Amino acid sequence: MIRKCLFPVAGYGTRFLPATKSMPKEMLPIVNKPLVQYGVEEAVQAGLKNVTFVTGRGKRAIADHFDISYELEHQISGTSKEQYLEGIRHLIANAIFSFIPQNQMLGLGHAILTGEPLIGGEAFGVVLADDLCFGETDDDGVMAQMVKLYNQFRCTIVAIQEVPEDEVHKYGVIKGDDMLEGLYRVTDMVEKPSKEEAPSNLAIIGRYILTPDIFDKIRNTPPGRNGEVQITDAILQQAKEGCVLAYKFKGRRFDCGSVDGFVEATNYCYENIYKA
């Protein structure tokens, strides 16, 4: 049973400067809720209640958000404003939060390896908060869908979606053999390929379930461009030695690492969640 979920949140969020100069990008609000809270809610809804943040300098606000604010609680106690804290109170009561620093920004693979002491020798989820995802129903988020698949196949799983061919250079892209509808056995992965080099238009998005042998694979993965350790290289090694699945999830995803995607997500949440 998967219990743990890792959130790499050490990045600088430079595309949102100057807003992120002193504020973590993961704390930017989508309407009235920080981006990272949506991801934690998705993980906890899937049963991944041990939440680990791989964090960095200037990210203290994330830890504060997932903790009780006694002064605020006292000030609004008994007022109608208490309702606004119901969601975060539920998370604080039902999840365990831990934090470990990533001292150098050396890629997603390095960030995941940094979390090894708090993950241990068990399978775990990874959520990139920049990717805001919604399932087709409230109780069937993307991570919940992937946990069901893991319980059946017991191997590493990456979430994928089709993207326009002129956008494949932004993603890790997979090649795979059809297994079931929307499910592929991965035979190749390329990190940020050109349009001509891409093996398909099936792009990996920020949801993973990884088996614990990934840590040794990362340790044996040489750094690539800019000295970064790419998680796709380590997962490809898993695919060559065993089985990795790619899952075309059911639902909707917003790229909140871009300004356009962030605005689109805000409009969607305002119309479909906040106003509702």
Protein backbone atom coordinates (compact mmCIF):
# COMPACT_ATOMS: atom_id res chain seq x y z
CA MET A 1 0.00 0.00 0.00
CA ILE A 2 1.39 3.40 -0.96
CA ARG A 3 1.46 5.81 1.96
CA LYS A 4 3.96 8.50 0.99
CA CYS A 5 4.07 11.34 -1.50
CA LEU A 6 7.01 13.57 -2.33
CA PHE A 7 6.68 17.19 -3.41
CA PRO A 8 9.80 18.79 -4.95
CA VAL A 9 9.31 22.48 -4.10
CA ALA A 10 12.83 23.91 -4.05
CA GLY A 11 12.67 25.75 -7.40
CA TYR A 12 12.90 29.52 -7.69
CA GLY A 13 9.83 30.19 -9.83
CA THR A 14 11.67 32.68 -12.01
CA ARG A 15 8.87 32.86 -14.58
CA PHE A 16 6.72 34.59 -11.96
CA LEU A 17 9.20 37.24 -10.84
CA PRO A 18 8.91 39.63 -9.12
CA ALA A 19 6.00 37.92 -7.29
CA THR A 20 8.26 34.98 -6.37
CA LYS A 21 11.20 37.08 -5.17
CA SER A 22 10.14 36.55 -1.54
CA MET A 23 7.18 34.19 -1.95
CA PRO A 24 7.34 30.51 -2.98
CA LYS A 25 5.73 29.96 -6.35
CA GLU A 26 3.88 27.01 -4.82
CA MET A 27 2.09 29.46 -2.53
CA LEU A 28 0.71 31.57 -5.36
CA PRO A 29 -3.09 31.45 -5.01
CA ILE A 30 -5.43 29.86 -7.50
CA VAL A 31 -8.40 32.01 -6.46
CA ASN A 32 -8.29 31.61 -2.65
CA LYS A 33 -6.13 28.49 -2.24
CA PRO A 34 -2.36 28.09 -2.68
CA LEU A 35 -1.30 25.99 -5.65
CA VAL A 36 0.50 23.47 -3.46
CA GLN A 37 -2.62 22.82 -1.37
CA TYR A 38 -4.45 21.48 -4.41
CA GLY A 39 -1.66 18.95 -4.91
CA VAL A 40 -1.63 17.88 -1.26
CA GLU A 41 -5.40 17.46 -1.32
CA GLU A 42 -5.04 15.21 -4.37
CA ALA A 43 -2.39 13.11 -2.65
CA VAL A 44 -4.32 12.73 0.61
CA GLN A 45 -7.52 11.88 -1.28
CA ALA A 46 -5.54 9.04 -2.90
CA GLY A 47 -4.44 7.74 0.52
CA LEU A 48 -0.92 9.22 0.40
CA LYS A 49 -1.05 10.86 3.82
CA ASN A 50 2.68 10.99 4.57
CA VAL A 51 3.69 14.14 2.68
CA THR A 52 7.36 15.02 2.21
CA PHE A 53 8.49 18.37 0.85
CA VAL A 54 11.95 18.63 -0.71
CA THR A 55 12.41 22.29 -0.04
CA GLY A 56 14.91 25.11 -0.28
CA ARG A 57 15.78 28.52 1.09
CA GLY A 58 12.93 31.01 1.19
CA LYS A 59 10.24 28.32 1.34
CA ARG A 60 9.26 28.69 4.99
CA ALA A 61 5.75 29.82 4.01
CA ILE A 62 4.94 26.28 2.83
CA ALA A 63 5.71 24.80 6.26
CA ASP A 64 3.74 27.58 7.95
CA HIS A 65 0.74 26.95 5.71
CA PHE A 66 0.52 23.30 6.74
CA ASP A 67 0.68 24.15 10.43
CA ILE A 68 -1.77 25.67 12.89
CA SER A 69 -1.78 29.46 13.19
CA TYR A 70 -2.94 29.91 16.77
CA GLU A 71 -3.27 33.69 16.59
CA LEU A 72 -5.38 33.54 13.42
CA GLU A 73 -7.49 30.71 14.84
CA HIS A 74 -8.16 32.76 17.96
CA GLN A 75 -9.04 35.90 16.02
CA ILE A 76 -11.68 34.28 13.80
CA SER A 77 -12.99 31.70 16.27
CA GLY A 78 -16.76 31.70 16.31
CA THR A 79 -17.09 33.91 13.22
CA SER A 80 -18.31 33.11 9.73
CA LYS A 81 -14.70 33.33 8.52
CA GLU A 82 -13.86 29.99 10.14
CA GLN A 83 -15.36 28.21 7.14
CA TYR A 84 -12.46 29.36 4.99
CA LEU A 85 -10.07 27.24 7.06
CA GLU A 86 -12.03 23.99 6.82
CA GLY A 87 -9.97 22.60 3.94
CA ILE A 88 -6.55 23.26 5.44
CA ARG A 89 -7.70 22.10 8.88
CA HIS A 90 -8.74 18.79 7.33
CA LEU A 91 -5.30 18.33 5.78
CA ILE A 92 -3.47 19.21 8.98
CA ALA A 93 -5.60 16.71 10.91
CA ASN A 94 -5.30 13.90 8.38
CA ALA A 95 -1.77 14.13 6.99
CA ILE A 96 1.79 14.00 8.31
CA PHE A 97 4.16 16.63 6.92
CA SER A 98 7.94 16.42 6.78
CA PHE A 99 10.57 18.63 5.16
CA ILE A 100 14.08 18.04 3.87
CA PRO A 101 16.31 20.65 2.21
CA GLN A 102 17.70 20.36 -1.31
CA ASN A 103 20.94 22.30 -0.99
CA GLN A 104 21.65 22.44 -4.73
CA MET A 105 19.27 22.71 -7.67
CA LEU A 106 20.51 19.78 -9.75
CA GLY A 107 17.33 18.63 -11.46
CA LEU A 108 14.22 16.65 -10.62
CA GLY A 109 16.16 13.42 -10.28
CA HIS A 110 18.38 14.99 -7.64
CA ALA A 111 15.36 16.41 -5.82
CA ILE A 112 13.74 12.97 -5.63
CA LEU A 113 16.99 11.40 -4.43
CA THR A 114 17.21 14.08 -1.73
CA GLY A 115 13.93 12.79 -0.33
CA GLU A 116 15.18 9.20 0.05
CA PRO A 117 15.85 9.40 3.83
CA LEU A 118 12.19 10.26 4.44
CA ILE A 119 10.76 7.85 1.86
CA GLY A 120 12.75 4.71 2.67
CA GLY A 121 12.37 1.41 0.86
CA GLU A 122 8.79 1.65 -0.33
CA ALA A 123 6.91 2.83 -3.40
CA PHE A 124 5.80 6.45 -3.31
CA GLY A 125 4.03 9.12 -5.27
CA VAL A 126 5.54 12.30 -6.68
CA VAL A 127 3.48 15.41 -7.33
CA LEU A 128 4.82 18.46 -9.13
CA ALA A 129 2.62 21.26 -7.81
CA ASP A 130 3.14 23.28 -11.01
CA ASP A 131 0.83 20.80 -12.71
CA LEU A 132 -2.65 21.39 -11.34
CA CYS A 133 -4.78 18.33 -12.10
CA PHE A 134 -8.43 17.49 -11.63
CA GLY A 135 -10.03 14.10 -12.11
CA GLU A 136 -13.37 13.65 -13.76
CA THR A 137 -14.95 13.31 -10.31
CA ASP A 138 -14.00 14.75 -6.92
CA ASP A 139 -13.13 11.34 -5.48
CA ASP A 140 -11.06 10.09 -8.42
CA GLY A 141 -8.10 12.44 -8.80
CA VAL A 142 -5.10 11.64 -10.97
CA MET A 143 -3.05 10.20 -8.11
CA ALA A 144 -6.00 8.06 -7.00
CA GLN A 145 -6.28 6.66 -10.53
CA MET A 146 -2.57 5.86 -10.54
CA VAL A 147 -2.66 4.21 -7.12
CA LYS A 148 -5.34 1.84 -8.41
CA LEU A 149 -3.07 0.92 -11.32
CA TYR A 150 -0.07 0.44 -9.02
CA ASN A 151 -2.08 -1.92 -6.83
CA GLN A 152 -2.69 -4.00 -9.95
CA PHE A 153 0.72 -3.88 -11.67
CA ARG A 154 3.23 -3.05 -8.88
CA CYS A 155 5.65 -1.05 -10.99
CA THR A 156 6.67 2.54 -11.73
CA ILE A 157 3.92 4.55 -13.43
CA VAL A 158 4.11 7.96 -15.07
CA ALA A 159 1.11 10.11 -16.03
CA ILE A 160 0.98 11.26 -19.65
CA GLN A 161 -1.17 13.35 -21.95
CA GLU A 162 -1.15 14.13 -25.62
CA VAL A 163 0.37 17.52 -26.45
CA PRO A 164 0.72 19.42 -29.74
CA GLU A 165 3.81 18.37 -31.69
CA ASP A 166 5.25 21.89 -31.47
CA GLU A 167 5.25 21.61 -27.65
CA VAL A 168 7.03 18.28 -27.18
CA HIS A 169 10.32 20.11 -26.53
CA LYS A 170 8.93 21.19 -23.14
CA TYR A 171 8.44 17.66 -21.80
CA GLY A 172 9.79 14.21 -21.33
CA VAL A 173 8.17 12.14 -24.10
CA ILE A 174 7.52 8.40 -24.11
CA LYS A 175 7.32 5.65 -26.67
CA GLY A 176 5.37 2.58 -25.66
CA ASP A 177 3.43 -0.52 -26.54
CA ASP A 178 -0.34 -0.50 -26.03
CA MET A 179 -1.48 -2.64 -23.10
CA LEU A 180 -4.99 -1.43 -22.34
CA GLU A 181 -6.92 1.63 -23.41
CA GLY A 182 -4.89 4.62 -22.23
CA LEU A 183 -2.13 2.44 -20.78
CA TYR A 184 1.29 1.82 -22.38
CA ARG A 185 4.34 -0.21 -21.50
CA VAL A 186 7.23 2.20 -21.91
CA THR A 187 9.99 1.22 -24.35
CA ASP A 188 11.73 4.59 -24.66
CA MET A 189 11.81 8.06 -23.10
CA VAL A 190 13.39 11.25 -24.38
CA GLU A 191 13.78 14.39 -22.29
CA LYS A 192 12.70 17.57 -24.10
CA PRO A 193 13.23 16.32 -27.65
CA SER A 194 12.92 18.40 -30.78
CA LYS A 195 9.81 17.90 -32.86
CA GLU A 196 11.83 15.73 -35.25
CA GLU A 197 13.37 13.60 -32.48
CA ALA A 198 10.22 13.01 -30.43
CA PRO A 199 9.11 9.35 -30.45
CA SER A 200 5.45 10.41 -29.98
CA ASN A 201 3.38 13.28 -28.66
CA LEU A 202 2.70 11.52 -25.35
CA ALA A 203 4.23 13.84 -22.76
CA ILE A 204 4.99 13.04 -19.13
CA ILE A 205 3.28 15.42 -16.70
CA GLY A 206 3.93 16.00 -13.03
CA ARG A 207 2.49 12.83 -11.51
CA TYR A 208 4.56 9.71 -10.82
CA ILE A 209 4.46 6.56 -8.78
CA LEU A 210 8.00 5.28 -8.30
CA THR A 211 9.27 2.01 -6.91
CA PRO A 212 12.13 2.35 -4.38
CA ASP A 213 14.80 0.99 -6.73
CA ILE A 214 14.57 4.38 -8.45
CA PHE A 215 17.00 5.78 -5.87
CA ASP A 216 19.84 3.49 -6.99
CA LYS A 217 18.99 4.23 -10.61
CA ILE A 218 19.27 7.98 -9.92
CA ARG A 219 22.59 7.51 -8.12
CA ASN A 220 23.94 5.74 -11.20
CA THR A 221 22.56 8.30 -13.67
CA PRO A 222 25.21 10.76 -14.91
CA PRO A 223 24.26 14.43 -14.99
CA GLY A 224 22.96 15.71 -18.30
CA ARG A 225 22.46 19.20 -19.66
CA ASN A 226 23.31 22.00 -17.17
CA GLY A 227 24.62 19.39 -14.76
CA GLU A 228 21.09 18.26 -13.91
CA VAL A 229 20.11 14.68 -13.13
CA GLN A 230 17.05 13.86 -15.22
CA ILE A 231 14.46 11.58 -13.66
CA THR A 232 13.49 10.37 -17.15
CA ASP A 233 16.95 8.82 -17.57
CA ALA A 234 16.54 6.86 -14.33
CA ILE A 235 13.00 5.76 -15.18
CA LEU A 236 14.14 4.67 -18.65
CA GLN A 237 16.69 2.41 -16.98
CA GLN A 238 13.86 0.89 -14.94
CA ALA A 239 11.91 0.33 -18.16
CA LYS A 240 14.85 -1.45 -19.79
CA GLU A 241 15.37 -3.74 -16.82
CA GLY A 242 11.75 -4.37 -15.89
CA CYS A 243 8.43 -2.63 -16.47
CA VAL A 244 7.35 1.01 -16.47
CA LEU A 245 3.81 2.01 -17.40
CA ALA A 246 2.58 5.28 -18.85
CA TYR A 247 -1.01 6.20 -18.07
CA LYS A 248 -3.16 8.63 -20.03
CA PHE A 249 -5.10 9.94 -17.07
CA LYS A 250 -8.78 10.84 -17.03
CA GLY A 251 -9.27 14.48 -16.17
CA ARG A 252 -7.81 17.90 -16.84
CA ARG A 253 -4.39 19.40 -16.28
CA PHE A 254 -3.19 23.01 -16.16
CA ASP A 255 0.47 24.00 -16.56
CA CYS A 256 0.70 26.50 -13.72
CA GLY A 257 4.43 26.83 -14.26
CA SER A 258 3.54 29.21 -17.09
CA VAL A 259 1.68 32.49 -16.72
CA ASP A 260 -0.85 31.52 -19.40
CA GLY A 261 -1.59 28.19 -17.70
CA PHE A 262 -1.80 29.84 -14.30
CA VAL A 263 -4.40 32.33 -15.53
CA GLU A 264 -6.34 29.57 -17.29
CA ALA A 265 -6.38 27.51 -14.08
CA THR A 266 -7.52 30.50 -12.04
CA ASN A 267 -10.43 31.17 -14.38
CA TYR A 268 -11.40 27.47 -14.38
CA CYS A 269 -11.32 27.19 -10.57
CA TYR A 270 -13.25 30.42 -10.13
CA GLU A 271 -16.04 29.28 -12.44
CA ASN A 272 -16.18 25.59 -11.47
CA ILE A 273 -15.10 25.43 -7.83
CA TYR A 274 -15.21 28.80 -6.08
CA LYS A 275 -18.53 30.04 -7.46
CA ALA A 276 -20.05 26.57 -7.24
